[in-house]
C-alpha atoms as a PDB file:
ATOM      1  CA  TYR A   1      12.236  -1.039  -9.429  1.00  0.00           C
ATOM      2  CA  ALA A   2      13.193   0.856 -12.539  1.00  0.00           C
ATOM      3  CA  THR A   3      16.633  -0.749 -12.321  1.00  0.00           C
ATOM      4  CA  TRP A   4      15.001  -4.127 -12.998  1.00  0.00           C
ATOM      5  CA  ILE A   5      13.669  -2.765 -16.281  1.00  0.00           C
ATOM      6  CA  PHE A   6      17.113  -1.466 -17.219  1.00  0.00           C
ATOM      7  CA  ARG A   7      18.689  -4.787 -16.209  1.00  0.00           C
ATOM      8  CA  ARG A   8      16.232  -6.530 -18.499  1.00  0.00           C
ATOM      9  CA  ARG A   9      14.447  -8.226 -15.629  1.00  0.00           C
ATOM     10  CA  PRO A  10      10.875  -7.156 -16.352  1.00  0.00           C
ATOM     11  CA  LEU A  11       9.430  -9.985 -14.264  1.00  0.00           C
ATOM     12  CA  VAL A  12      10.642  -8.377 -11.037  1.00  0.00           C
ATOM     13  CA  ALA A  13       9.400  -4.929 -12.045  1.00  0.00           C
ATOM     14  CA  THR A  14       5.983  -6.131 -13.146  1.00  0.00           C
ATOM     15  CA  SER A  15       5.500  -8.346 -10.080  1.00  0.00           C
ATOM     16  CA  PHE A  16       5.852  -5.141  -8.059  1.00  0.00           C
ATOM     17  CA  CYS A  17       3.018  -3.697 -10.145  1.00  0.00           C
ATOM     18  CA  VAL A  18       0.784  -6.606  -9.250  1.00  0.00           C
ATOM     19  CA  ALA A  19       1.637  -6.378  -5.543  1.00  0.00           C
ATOM     20  CA  VAL A  20       0.602  -2.728  -5.274  1.00  0.00           C
ATOM     21  CA  SER A  21      -2.183  -2.789  -7.844  1.00  0.00           C
ATOM     22  CA  ILE A  22      -5.027  -2.834  -5.298  1.00  0.00           C
ATOM     23  CA  ASP A  23      -3.805   0.399  -3.729  1.00  0.00           C
ATOM     24  CA  GLN A  24      -3.196   1.944  -7.126  1.00  0.00           C
ATOM     25  CA  VAL A  25      -6.657   1.042  -8.436  1.00  0.00           C
ATOM     26  CA  MET A  26      -8.212   2.620  -5.343  1.00  0.00           C
ATOM     27  CA  TRP A  27      -6.224   5.773  -6.132  1.00  0.00           C
ATOM     28  CA  TYR A  28      -7.477   5.798  -9.733  1.00  0.00           C
ATOM     29  CA  VAL A  29     -11.116   5.313  -8.653  1.00  0.00           C
ATOM     30  CA  ASP A  30     -10.925   7.868  -5.852  1.00  0.00           C
ATOM     31  CA  LEU A  31      -9.286  10.520  -8.012  1.00  0.00           C
ATOM     32  CA  ALA A  32     -11.550   9.978 -11.033  1.00  0.00           C
ATOM     33  CA  VAL A  33     -14.762  10.139  -8.988  1.00  0.00           C
ATOM     34  CA  TRP A  34     -13.487  13.212  -7.100  1.00  0.00           C
ATOM     35  CA  LEU A  35     -12.694  15.020 -10.358  1.00  0.00           C
ATOM     36  CA  ILE A  36     -16.200  14.252 -11.677  1.00  0.00           C
ATOM     37  CA  SER A  37     -18.358  14.576  -8.571  1.00  0.00           C
ATOM     38  CA  GLY A  38     -16.288  16.289  -5.894  1.00  0.00           C
ATOM     39  CA  HIS A  39     -16.406  13.463  -3.331  1.00  0.00           C
ATOM     40  CA  PHE A  40     -14.136  10.520  -2.521  1.00  0.00           C
ATOM     41  CA  PRO A  41     -15.890   7.129  -2.636  1.00  0.00           C
ATOM     42  CA  ILE A  42     -12.985   5.264  -1.011  1.00  0.00           C
ATOM     43  CA  GLY A  43     -11.032   8.019   0.745  1.00  0.00           C
ATOM     44  CA  VAL A  44      -7.438   7.020   0.033  1.00  0.00           C
ATOM     45  CA  THR A  45      -6.719  10.368  -1.667  1.00  0.00           C
ATOM     46  CA  LYS A  46      -8.787  12.538   0.639  1.00  0.00           C
ATOM     47  CA  TYR A  47      -5.716  13.733   2.544  1.00  0.00           C
ATOM     48  CA  LEU A  48      -4.705  15.716  -0.539  1.00  0.00           C
ATOM     49  CA  THR A  49      -7.545  18.179   0.142  1.00  0.00           C
ATOM     50  CA  TRP A  50      -6.615  18.785   3.772  1.00  0.00           C
ATOM     51  CA  LYS A  51      -5.249  22.246   4.548  1.00  0.00           C
ATOM     52  CA  GLN A  52      -2.319  20.823   6.518  1.00  0.00           C
ATOM     53  CA  THR A  53      -1.100  18.683   3.594  1.00  0.00           C
ATOM     54  CA  LEU A  54       2.167  20.165   2.370  1.00  0.00           C
ATOM     55  CA  TRP A  55       2.726  20.938  -1.312  1.00  0.00           C
ATOM     56  CA  ILE A  56       5.673  18.516  -1.390  1.00  0.00           C
ATOM     57  CA  ASP A  57       3.364  15.705  -0.233  1.00  0.00           C
ATOM     58  CA  ARG A  58       0.929  16.590  -3.000  1.00  0.00           C
ATOM     59  CA  LEU A  59       3.759  16.565  -5.519  1.00  0.00           C
ATOM     60  CA  THR A  60       5.394  13.311  -4.448  1.00  0.00           C
ATOM     61  CA  CYS A  61       2.097  11.406  -4.269  1.00  0.00           C
ATOM     62  CA  THR A  62       1.814  11.607  -8.059  1.00  0.00           C
ATOM     63  CA  HIS A  63       3.839   8.395  -8.241  1.00  0.00           C
ATOM     64  CA  HIS A  64       0.544   6.607  -7.555  1.00  0.00           C
ATOM     65  CA  LEU A  65      -0.633   7.689 -10.991  1.00  0.00           C
ATOM     66  CA  TRP A  66       2.336   6.961 -13.242  1.00  0.00           C
ATOM     67  CA  THR A  67       4.372   4.144 -11.650  1.00  0.00           C
ATOM     68  CA  ILE A  68       2.375   1.105 -12.797  1.00  0.00           C
ATOM     69  CA  PRO A  69       1.746   2.328 -16.362  1.00  0.00           C
ATOM     70  CA  LEU A  70       5.441   3.229 -16.722  1.00  0.00           C
ATOM     71  CA  PHE A  71       6.692  -0.170 -15.550  1.00  0.00           C
ATOM     72  CA  ILE A  72       4.218  -2.107 -17.655  1.00  0.00           C
ATOM     73  CA  PHE A  73       5.197   0.004 -20.669  1.00  0.00           C
ATOM     74  CA  GLY A  74       8.897  -0.532 -19.933  1.00  0.00           C
ATOM     75  CA  ALA A  75       8.455  -4.269 -19.524  1.00  0.00           C
ATOM     76  CA  ASN A  76       6.306  -4.534 -22.673  1.00  0.00           C
ATOM     77  CA  ASN A  77       3.965  -6.989 -20.968  1.00  0.00           C
ATOM     78  CA  LEU A  78       2.488  -8.289 -17.747  1.00  0.00           C
ATOM     79  CA  SER A  79       2.817 -12.051 -17.660  1.00  0.00           C
ATOM     80  CA  VAL A  80       1.283 -14.737 -15.475  1.00  0.00           C
ATOM     81  CA  ASP A  81       4.724 -15.205 -13.939  1.00  0.00           C
ATOM     82  CA  SER A  82       4.446 -11.648 -12.611  1.00  0.00           C
ATOM     83  CA  TYR A  83       1.344 -12.669 -10.683  1.00  0.00           C
ATOM     84  CA  LEU A  84       2.987 -15.827  -9.347  1.00  0.00           C
ATOM     85  CA  LEU A  85       6.114 -13.983  -8.181  1.00  0.00           C
ATOM     86  CA  SER A  86       3.973 -11.254  -6.653  1.00  0.00           C
ATOM     87  CA  ILE A  87       1.960 -13.817  -4.677  1.00  0.00           C
ATOM     88  CA  GLN A  88       5.152 -15.336  -3.323  1.00  0.00           C
ATOM     89  CA  LEU A  89       6.579 -11.938  -2.349  1.00  0.00           C
ATOM     90  CA  VAL A  90       3.381 -10.772  -0.675  1.00  0.00           C
ATOM     91  CA  VAL A  91       3.044 -14.023   1.296  1.00  0.00           C
ATOM     92  CA  VAL A  92       6.635 -13.691   2.532  1.00  0.00           C
ATOM     93  CA  HIS A  93       6.060 -10.031   3.467  1.00  0.00           C
ATOM     94  CA  VAL A  94       2.873 -10.850   5.360  1.00  0.00           C
ATOM     95  CA  MET A  95       4.555 -13.690   7.249  1.00  0.00           C
ATOM     96  CA  LEU A  96       7.548 -11.501   8.136  1.00  0.00           C
ATOM     97  CA  SER A  97       5.286  -8.659   9.229  1.00  0.00           C
ATOM     98  CA  ARG A  98       3.251 -10.950  11.437  1.00  0.00           C
ATOM     99  CA  TRP A  99       6.409 -12.430  12.933  1.00  0.00           C
ATOM    100  CA  LEU A 100       8.193  -9.097  13.480  1.00  0.00           C
ATOM    101  CA  THR A 101       5.214  -7.057  14.717  1.00  0.00           C
ATOM    102  CA  PRO A 102       4.742  -7.340  18.471  1.00  0.00           C
ATOM    103  CA  GLN A 103       1.363  -8.471  19.733  1.00  0.00           C
ATOM    104  CA  CYS A 104       1.407  -5.755  22.351  1.00  0.00           C
ATOM    105  CA  ILE A 105       3.519  -2.868  23.555  1.00  0.00           C
ATOM    106  CA  GLU A 106       4.232  -2.585  27.245  1.00  0.00           C
ATOM    107  CA  LYS A 107       5.600   0.531  28.894  1.00  0.00           C
ATOM    108  CA  THR A 108       7.242   0.148  32.247  1.00  0.00           C
ATOM    109  CA  GLY A 109       7.602   2.985  34.706  1.00  0.00           C
ATOM    110  CA  ASP A 110       5.278   5.135  36.787  1.00  0.00           C
ATOM    111  CA  ASP A 111       2.384   4.845  34.358  1.00  0.00           C
ATOM    112  CA  LYS A 112       2.162   1.197  33.437  1.00  0.00           C
ATOM    113  CA  PHE A 113      -0.025   0.394  30.479  1.00  0.00           C
ATOM    114  CA  ARG A 114      -0.439  -2.232  27.819  1.00  0.00           C
ATOM    115  CA  ILE A 115      -1.454  -1.497  24.259  1.00  0.00           C
ATOM    116  CA  GLU A 116      -2.825  -4.529  22.507  1.00  0.00           C
ATOM    117  CA  ASP A 117      -2.948  -5.003  18.792  1.00  0.00           C
ATOM    118  CA  ASP A 118      -6.547  -5.698  17.750  1.00  0.00           C
ATOM    119  CA  ASN A 119      -5.306  -8.282  15.259  1.00  0.00           C
ATOM    120  CA  SER A 120      -3.798 -10.361  18.048  1.00  0.00           C
ATOM    121  CA  ARG A 121      -6.847 -10.260  20.318  1.00  0.00           C
ATOM    122  CA  SER A 122      -9.320 -13.089  20.177  1.00  0.00           C
ATOM    123  CA  ASP A 123     -12.112 -10.789  21.362  1.00  0.00           C
ATOM    124  CA  ALA A 124     -11.312  -7.908  18.997  1.00  0.00           C
ATOM    125  CA  LYS A 125     -14.830  -7.888  17.572  1.00  0.00           C
ATOM    126  CA  LYS A 126     -16.296  -7.445  21.044  1.00  0.00           C
ATOM    127  CA  LYS A 127     -14.296  -4.264  21.632  1.00  0.00           C
ATOM    128  CA  ASP A 128     -16.387  -1.098  21.928  1.00  0.00           C
ATOM    129  CA  PRO A 129     -15.626   1.671  19.414  1.00  0.00           C
END
């Protein structure tokens, strides 16, 4: 995405910012509340406190903190066109994901089983936890 800034195409770079902004805002809230109170209100960053989380995972996850501010700074603005392009990209991604994701996975062999995707089931809400 940084290449779009260097190519003087800030619209593409900033539309990325809009598309991932919900996840990023949850990171900001989770981290800020954890630093102040010691608990995670949302839980998206909780894995960072697990003992099995590797140091490299802790290091590379920092992109959640600096990516959006860097791209907005590099683009010098965040226009309405960024939101419109982001909506179009997200809609296309959702449609492709729905089309390319199987509704169920079947394994043939000695142990036959069928794993259904809860999103494809009409009675998903009736399923016991």
